[in-house]
Protein backbone atom coordinates (compact mmCIF):
# COMPACT_ATOMS: atom_id res chain seq x y z
CA MET A 1 14.18 16.77 28.55
CA LYS A 2 11.32 15.55 30.20
CA ILE A 3 7.85 14.98 28.88
CA SER A 4 4.63 13.82 30.90
CA LEU A 5 1.02 12.38 29.68
CA SER A 6 -1.50 10.01 31.29
CA ARG A 7 -0.67 6.38 31.48
CA GLU A 8 -4.11 5.85 29.22
CA ASN A 9 -3.18 7.78 26.46
CA LEU A 10 0.03 6.33 26.17
CA LEU A 11 -0.99 3.00 26.48
CA LYS A 12 -3.56 3.92 23.61
CA VAL A 13 -1.11 4.91 21.26
CA LEU A 14 1.13 2.09 21.91
CA GLN A 15 -1.59 -0.60 21.54
CA THR A 16 -2.34 1.03 17.92
CA VAL A 17 0.78 0.92 16.98
CA GLY A 18 2.41 -2.11 18.34
CA GLY A 19 1.09 -4.68 16.14
CA VAL A 20 3.43 -4.06 13.58
CA VAL A 21 6.54 -4.26 15.77
CA GLU A 22 8.14 -7.49 14.75
CA LYS A 23 9.69 -9.50 18.01
CA ARG A 24 12.72 -11.06 15.87
CA GLN A 25 14.60 -8.15 13.89
CA THR A 26 17.53 -7.85 11.64
CA MET A 27 17.92 -4.63 12.33
CA PRO A 28 17.72 -3.72 15.86
CA ILE A 29 16.28 -0.50 15.26
CA LEU A 30 13.00 -1.82 13.69
CA GLY A 31 12.55 -3.49 17.61
CA ASN A 32 12.27 0.02 18.47
CA VAL A 33 9.16 2.64 18.21
CA LEU A 34 9.39 6.52 16.98
CA PHE A 35 8.46 9.33 19.43
CA ASP A 36 8.45 12.61 18.06
CA ILE A 37 7.52 15.77 19.59
CA TYR A 38 6.34 18.75 18.21
CA GLN A 39 4.19 21.69 20.07
CA ASN A 40 3.14 19.56 22.85
CA THR A 41 1.95 16.62 20.78
CA LEU A 42 2.93 13.10 20.25
CA THR A 43 3.90 10.56 17.88
CA VAL A 44 4.62 7.41 17.71
CA THR A 45 5.73 5.22 14.80
CA ALA A 46 6.39 1.90 14.51
CA SER A 47 7.36 0.27 11.17
CA ASP A 48 8.71 -3.35 10.09
CA LEU A 49 9.75 -1.39 6.33
CA GLU A 50 6.97 -2.67 4.79
CA ILE A 51 3.86 -1.21 7.30
CA GLU A 52 4.12 1.77 9.38
CA THR A 53 1.94 2.82 11.84
CA ARG A 54 1.83 6.32 13.31
CA ALA A 55 -0.86 7.76 16.08
CA GLN A 56 -1.05 10.53 18.13
CA THR A 57 -2.04 12.29 21.60
CA GLU A 58 -1.47 14.97 23.38
CA LEU A 59 0.95 15.58 26.20
CA GLU A 60 0.41 17.08 29.81
CA SER A 61 3.63 18.83 29.70
CA CYS A 62 6.84 19.07 27.56
CA GLU A 63 10.07 20.87 28.31
CA VAL A 64 10.91 21.33 24.57
CA GLU A 65 9.04 22.00 21.25
CA GLN A 66 10.69 19.70 19.29
CA PHE A 67 12.42 16.41 19.74
CA SER A 68 12.73 12.61 18.03
CA ILE A 69 13.66 9.13 20.29
CA THR A 70 13.41 6.09 19.78
CA LEU A 71 12.48 3.64 22.60
CA PRO A 72 12.60 -0.27 22.80
CA ALA A 73 8.93 -1.35 21.91
CA ILE A 74 7.69 -4.61 23.71
CA LYS A 75 9.29 -3.64 26.58
CA LEU A 76 7.84 0.07 26.78
CA ILE A 77 3.97 -1.82 26.04
CA ASN A 78 4.67 -4.28 28.69
CA ILE A 79 5.56 -2.05 31.50
CA VAL A 80 2.85 1.12 30.41
CA ARG A 81 0.48 -2.25 30.45
CA SER A 82 1.22 -3.49 33.69
CA LEU A 83 1.06 0.37 35.60
CA PRO A 84 -2.60 1.23 37.26
CA ASP A 85 -4.97 3.25 35.56
CA GLY A 86 -5.33 6.72 36.72
CA LEU A 87 -1.17 7.39 36.52
CA THR A 88 0.72 10.56 34.95
CA ILE A 89 3.97 9.23 33.29
CA ILE A 90 7.21 10.98 33.11
CA LEU A 91 9.51 9.81 30.56
CA ASP A 92 12.76 11.55 31.48
CA PHE A 93 15.61 11.56 28.43
CA GLU A 94 18.53 11.71 29.20
CA GLU A 95 21.91 10.58 26.54
CA SER A 96 21.17 7.09 25.17
CA ARG A 97 18.73 6.48 28.15
CA CYS A 98 15.11 7.04 28.96
CA THR A 99 13.47 7.09 32.99
CA LEU A 100 10.13 6.19 32.94
CA SER A 101 8.29 7.28 36.41
CA ALA A 102 4.72 6.52 37.24
CA GLY A 103 4.06 6.27 40.78
CA ARG A 104 6.30 5.07 43.07
CA SER A 105 7.75 3.30 40.13
CA ARG A 106 10.91 4.06 38.11
CA PHE A 107 12.33 1.91 34.73
CA LYS A 108 15.59 2.71 33.03
CA LEU A 109 15.03 2.30 28.71
CA SER A 110 18.04 2.09 26.24
CA THR A 111 17.39 4.46 23.61
CA LEU A 112 18.52 4.65 19.66
CA PRO A 113 18.24 7.82 17.56
CA SER A 114 15.58 8.68 15.67
CA ASP A 115 17.94 9.03 12.11
CA ASP A 116 18.08 5.60 11.73
CA PHE A 117 14.91 4.61 12.09
CA PRO A 118 13.14 4.37 8.25
CA THR A 119 9.94 6.06 7.40
CA ILE A 120 8.08 6.07 4.46
CA ASP A 121 7.82 9.33 2.48
CA LEU A 122 3.84 10.41 2.57
CA THR A 123 3.54 12.85 0.03
CA GLN A 124 3.68 10.47 -3.52
CA ALA A 125 -0.26 9.86 -3.62
CA GLU A 126 -1.56 9.55 -6.59
CA MET A 127 -5.03 9.26 -5.81
CA SER A 128 -7.08 9.75 -2.98
CA PHE A 129 -10.91 9.49 -1.41
CA ALA A 130 -12.72 9.68 1.43
CA MET A 131 -14.82 6.80 2.65
CA SER A 132 -16.74 5.50 6.04
CA GLN A 133 -14.74 3.63 8.83
CA HIS A 134 -18.14 1.05 8.36
CA GLN A 135 -17.82 1.09 4.67
CA LEU A 136 -14.02 -0.61 4.97
CA LYS A 137 -15.04 -2.60 7.96
CA GLN A 138 -17.69 -4.00 6.10
CA LEU A 139 -15.48 -5.11 2.57
CA ILE A 140 -13.10 -6.29 4.99
CA GLN A 141 -14.23 -8.56 7.10
CA HIS A 142 -16.79 -10.20 4.71
CA SER A 143 -13.69 -10.94 2.38
CA SER A 144 -10.64 -11.25 3.97
CA PHE A 145 -10.93 -14.92 5.46
CA ALA A 146 -10.61 -16.23 1.91
CA MET A 147 -6.86 -14.61 1.82
CA ALA A 148 -4.27 -17.27 1.43
CA SER A 149 -1.53 -17.19 4.33
CA GLN A 150 1.56 -19.44 3.03
CA ASP A 151 0.96 -20.04 -1.02
CA VAL A 152 4.30 -19.62 -3.33
CA ARG A 153 1.82 -17.00 -5.54
CA PHE A 154 2.83 -14.85 -3.08
CA TYR A 155 -0.16 -12.24 -4.73
CA LEU A 156 -2.52 -14.43 -3.58
CA ASN A 157 -1.39 -13.74 0.54
CA GLY A 158 -3.15 -10.74 0.62
CA MET A 159 -6.04 -8.93 -0.95
CA LEU A 160 -6.93 -6.84 -4.03
CA PHE A 161 -8.45 -3.41 -3.59
CA ASP A 162 -10.03 -2.76 -7.08
CA ILE A 163 -11.01 0.71 -7.75
CA ASN A 164 -13.10 1.46 -10.86
CA ASN A 165 -15.00 4.89 -11.14
CA GLN A 166 -17.14 5.19 -8.70
CA SER A 167 -16.66 1.77 -6.50
CA LEU A 168 -14.19 -0.14 -4.35
CA ARG A 169 -14.50 -3.56 -4.84
CA VAL A 170 -11.67 -6.22 -2.51
CA VAL A 171 -11.02 -9.66 -3.63
CA ALA A 172 -9.55 -12.46 -1.68
CA THR A 173 -9.00 -15.77 -3.13
CA ASP A 174 -6.68 -19.17 -1.92
CA GLY A 175 -7.32 -20.87 -4.95
CA HIS A 176 -10.18 -22.94 -3.88
CA ARG A 177 -12.35 -19.97 -2.66
CA LEU A 178 -12.69 -16.62 -3.42
CA SER A 179 -14.56 -13.98 -1.78
CA THR A 180 -15.42 -10.52 -3.61
CA CYS A 181 -17.50 -7.14 -1.86
CA SER A 182 -18.26 -3.75 -3.42
CA THR A 183 -19.63 -0.52 -2.15
CA GLU A 184 -20.16 2.43 -3.80
CA LEU A 185 -18.10 5.57 -3.42
CA ALA A 186 -19.21 9.32 -2.69
CA ILE A 187 -16.93 10.39 -5.66
CA ASP A 188 -17.35 9.69 -8.97
CA GLY A 189 -14.38 9.54 -12.25
CA LEU A 190 -11.39 8.00 -9.98
CA THR A 191 -9.58 6.22 -12.50
CA PRO A 192 -9.51 3.12 -12.62
CA THR A 193 -6.92 1.05 -10.68
CA GLN A 194 -5.49 -2.00 -9.07
CA ALA A 195 -3.25 -2.50 -5.92
CA ILE A 196 -2.71 -5.88 -3.37
CA LEU A 197 -2.89 -4.92 -0.38
CA PRO A 198 -0.38 -8.33 1.48
CA ARG A 199 -1.86 -10.58 4.52
CA LYS A 200 -0.07 -8.63 7.18
CA GLY A 201 -1.33 -5.22 6.43
CA VAL A 202 -5.04 -6.35 6.14
CA MET A 203 -5.03 -7.78 9.48
CA GLU A 204 -3.29 -4.48 10.99
CA LEU A 205 -5.90 -2.38 9.47
CA SER A 206 -8.58 -4.51 10.12
CA LYS A 207 -7.23 -3.69 14.30
CA LEU A 208 -7.66 0.08 13.44
CA ILE A 209 -10.83 0.68 11.30
CA GLY A 210 -14.13 1.28 13.94
CA ASP A 211 -17.40 0.88 12.99
CA ASP A 212 -19.23 4.17 12.64
CA ASP A 213 -19.64 6.58 10.08
CA SER A 214 -16.45 8.77 10.82
CA LEU A 215 -14.67 9.53 7.49
CA ILE A 216 -11.11 8.14 6.54
CA GLN A 217 -9.04 9.35 3.83
CA PHE A 218 -8.15 6.63 1.51
CA SER A 219 -5.08 7.29 -0.57
CA LEU A 220 -2.90 4.99 -3.17
CA ALA A 221 0.61 5.73 -4.44
CA LYS A 222 2.66 3.92 -6.59
CA ASN A 223 3.90 0.97 -4.35
CA TYR A 224 2.19 2.09 -1.25
CA LEU A 225 -1.45 2.54 0.45
CA THR A 226 -2.16 4.90 3.33
CA VAL A 227 -5.68 4.95 5.18
CA GLN A 228 -5.82 8.43 7.51
CA PHE A 229 -8.23 8.20 10.48
CA GLU A 230 -8.01 11.40 12.96
CA GLU A 231 -5.30 10.23 14.87
CA THR A 232 -3.71 7.64 13.39
CA VAL A 233 -1.99 6.71 9.89
CA PHE A 234 -1.67 3.05 8.58
CA THR A 235 0.82 3.20 5.78
CA CYS A 236 1.32 -0.57 4.00
CA LYS A 237 3.57 -1.15 0.85
CA LEU A 238 1.41 -2.74 -1.80
CA VAL A 239 2.51 -6.45 -3.19
CA ASP A 240 4.69 -6.10 -6.40
CA GLY A 241 2.27 -8.79 -8.66
CA ARG A 242 -0.64 -9.84 -11.22
CA PHE A 243 -3.80 -10.61 -9.34
CA PRO A 244 -5.94 -13.09 -10.85
CA ASP A 245 -8.96 -11.80 -12.99
CA TYR A 246 -11.41 -12.58 -10.44
CA ARG A 247 -14.73 -11.99 -12.93
CA ARG A 248 -13.98 -15.23 -14.49
CA VAL A 249 -13.94 -17.14 -11.42
CA ILE A 250 -17.67 -16.39 -10.33
CA PRO A 251 -20.08 -18.65 -12.16
CA GLN A 252 -22.51 -17.03 -14.49
CA HIS A 253 -24.70 -19.73 -15.00
CA ASN A 254 -25.63 -21.65 -11.41
CA ASP A 255 -29.21 -22.31 -11.79
CA GLN A 256 -29.64 -24.66 -8.93
CA VAL A 257 -31.22 -22.60 -6.18
CA VAL A 258 -31.02 -23.85 -2.72
CA GLN A 259 -32.62 -21.47 0.07
CA THR A 260 -32.73 -22.23 3.93
CA ASP A 261 -32.42 -20.75 7.30
CA ARG A 262 -28.57 -19.44 7.52
CA GLU A 263 -28.67 -20.36 11.55
CA LEU A 264 -29.68 -23.73 11.22
CA LEU A 265 -27.52 -24.61 8.02
CA ARG A 266 -24.85 -22.74 10.09
CA SER A 267 -25.55 -25.20 13.30
CA LEU A 268 -25.69 -28.47 11.52
CA LEU A 269 -22.59 -27.95 9.41
CA GLN A 270 -20.80 -27.09 13.00
CA ARG A 271 -21.49 -30.87 14.12
CA ALA A 272 -20.75 -32.15 10.98
CA SER A 273 -17.10 -30.51 11.00
CA ILE A 274 -16.55 -32.36 14.11
CA LEU A 275 -16.66 -35.75 12.61
CA SER A 276 -15.02 -34.36 9.39
CA ASN A 277 -11.10 -35.07 8.11
CA ASP A 278 -9.03 -32.95 10.40
CA LYS A 279 -6.91 -31.88 7.19
CA PHE A 280 -9.18 -31.59 4.02
CA LYS A 281 -12.47 -30.75 6.11
CA GLY A 282 -14.53 -32.70 3.42
CA ILE A 283 -18.09 -33.25 3.59
CA ARG A 284 -20.89 -34.04 1.19
CA PHE A 285 -24.03 -32.46 0.38
CA ILE A 286 -27.05 -34.72 -0.46
CA LEU A 287 -29.60 -32.99 -2.80
CA ASN A 288 -32.89 -33.72 -3.67
CA ASN A 289 -36.45 -32.54 -3.16
CA ASN A 290 -36.20 -29.70 -0.91
CA LEU A 291 -34.13 -31.86 1.61
CA LEU A 292 -30.72 -31.29 2.34
CA ALA A 293 -28.52 -34.13 3.98
CA VAL A 294 -25.05 -33.63 4.81
CA ASN A 295 -22.30 -36.72 5.51
CA ALA A 296 -18.91 -36.27 7.13
CA SER A 297 -16.38 -39.22 8.16
CA ASN A 298 -12.54 -39.10 8.91
CA SER A 299 -9.35 -41.86 8.58
CA GLU A 300 -10.79 -43.23 12.06
CA GLN A 301 -14.15 -44.46 10.41
CA ASP A 302 -16.22 -41.90 12.22
CA GLU A 303 -18.88 -40.93 10.50
CA SER A 304 -22.28 -38.59 10.69
CA HIS A 305 -25.45 -37.91 8.87
CA GLU A 306 -27.84 -35.26 9.25
CA ASP A 307 -30.38 -33.73 7.29
CA MET A 308 -32.59 -30.80 7.16
CA ALA A 309 -36.00 -28.93 5.01
CA ILE A 310 -34.64 -26.63 2.66
CA ASP A 311 -36.29 -24.96 -0.72
CA TYR A 312 -35.10 -27.12 -3.58
CA THR A 313 -36.64 -28.40 -6.54
CA GLY A 314 -34.03 -29.14 -8.77
CA PRO A 315 -32.54 -32.33 -9.86
CA ASP A 316 -31.23 -34.73 -7.43
CA MET A 317 -27.28 -33.79 -6.53
CA GLU A 318 -24.09 -34.94 -4.69
CA ILE A 319 -21.35 -32.49 -3.97
CA GLY A 320 -18.35 -32.22 -1.38
CA PHE A 321 -17.29 -29.12 0.01
CA ASN A 322 -14.86 -28.05 2.52
CA VAL A 323 -17.00 -27.15 5.26
CA SER A 324 -14.59 -24.71 7.07
CA TYR A 325 -15.13 -22.75 3.47
CA ILE A 326 -18.76 -22.49 3.80
CA LEU A 327 -18.97 -21.84 7.86
CA ASP A 328 -16.63 -18.87 7.39
CA VAL A 329 -18.94 -17.11 4.16
CA LEU A 330 -22.22 -18.10 7.08
CA ASN A 331 -20.38 -16.48 9.61
CA SER A 332 -19.93 -13.45 7.72
CA MET A 333 -23.27 -13.17 6.75
CA GLN A 334 -25.96 -11.03 8.44
CA GLU A 335 -29.42 -12.38 6.72
CA ASP A 336 -31.62 -14.74 7.94
CA CYS A 337 -31.76 -16.76 5.03
CA VAL A 338 -28.65 -17.98 2.58
CA THR A 339 -29.23 -18.65 -0.79
CA ILE A 340 -26.77 -21.43 -2.63
CA GLN A 341 -26.16 -21.14 -5.95
CA LEU A 342 -25.08 -24.26 -8.08
CA LYS A 343 -24.90 -26.14 -11.35
CA ASP A 344 -23.50 -29.46 -10.97
CA SER A 345 -21.68 -31.63 -8.86
CA ASN A 346 -18.28 -30.64 -10.75
CA SER A 347 -18.62 -26.91 -10.89
CA SER A 348 -18.67 -24.49 -7.78
CA CYS A 349 -21.22 -23.20 -5.65
CA LEU A 350 -21.96 -19.15 -5.57
CA VAL A 351 -23.47 -17.06 -2.39
CA GLU A 352 -24.52 -13.69 -2.88
CA SER A 353 -24.93 -11.36 0.85
CA THR A 354 -25.78 -8.44 0.85
CA SER A 355 -25.23 -5.61 4.09
CA ASP A 356 -26.16 -1.92 4.15
CA VAL A 357 -23.10 -0.88 2.73
CA CYS A 358 -21.88 -3.60 0.43
CA HIS A 359 -22.34 -6.23 -2.07
CA CYS A 360 -20.37 -9.90 -1.54
CA GLN A 361 -19.95 -12.63 -3.54
CA HIS A 362 -18.50 -15.90 -2.16
CA VAL A 363 -17.27 -18.87 -5.16
CA ILE A 364 -16.32 -22.55 -3.27
CA MET A 365 -14.70 -24.54 -5.60
CA PRO A 366 -16.22 -28.20 -4.83
CA MET A 367 -14.17 -30.99 -3.71
CA ARG A 368 -13.88 -35.03 -4.89
CA LEU A 369 -14.73 -37.06 -2.10
């Protein structure tokens, strides 16, 4: 049984799904991608039992109407990527082998039956709505950096999707900082629902999202989330846990306000981070009338000091922060001016930002230096 398609089309779908495949698998079948051929359309699926991504492309020719098989993912991606542009790839399947031909190149790969490949039933969605790719991309870009990575509180190693009536809010926190962004949806009356997407799922989804206004279908089932693009379907199992009440973390009475140029502050903090402690990245903000001084030091007794003019008329204050946390926020913002809301040297600061489609709040806890 033979199929043929362009090298570019095959590489595109393989790269779309390839990030899901783990190099080390407990089940050999998970090291493969599933090829589903139906009516001259190829659907390629990758899964790690938690995340499943499907991508479609048109075939140039196909000898049968319907056929399924699995091929080794990493080997196939590396072969197709290494081939020159413009070639037509022919895949010839026979028994437990596949011969890949392209130009003067020939490769023989082992296959496994498609019956053993795990797939997720996508018919169980309980809630569905449309939103633009640009909206979802902005939400994730402005908050995903605050996710925990290997926290024992497993529910922090991901992102909360909080749906309420006519809005979608995402929340990420590692216990030391919190970022949340919300956007309005074009549909109202949605049942209030919360779902936690694991960290790997957030990172894979962010790779798939474009920055245009084309619509995607966002669906939630009891234990998984699905995002459907024009030719790609992303599905991820949800984290079974209870996310902390993020509303209680957002400061309500931070009335000491610092305003300054975002790019100037970002550059200053990048320089200060060079001599901050390698592990804790602590810096000290010293605030007095219209002046911010930033001090940093490390265990080798290196020190840095730099100040800049700001708009601040509150009381003198000294407060420590992890410089990386502040830089993450500044790097995600688009505004020319940044406003930092403070209460005192022992309380969290609040930075708010607004893009064309979402409103974001960033909370950073102080450090004791």
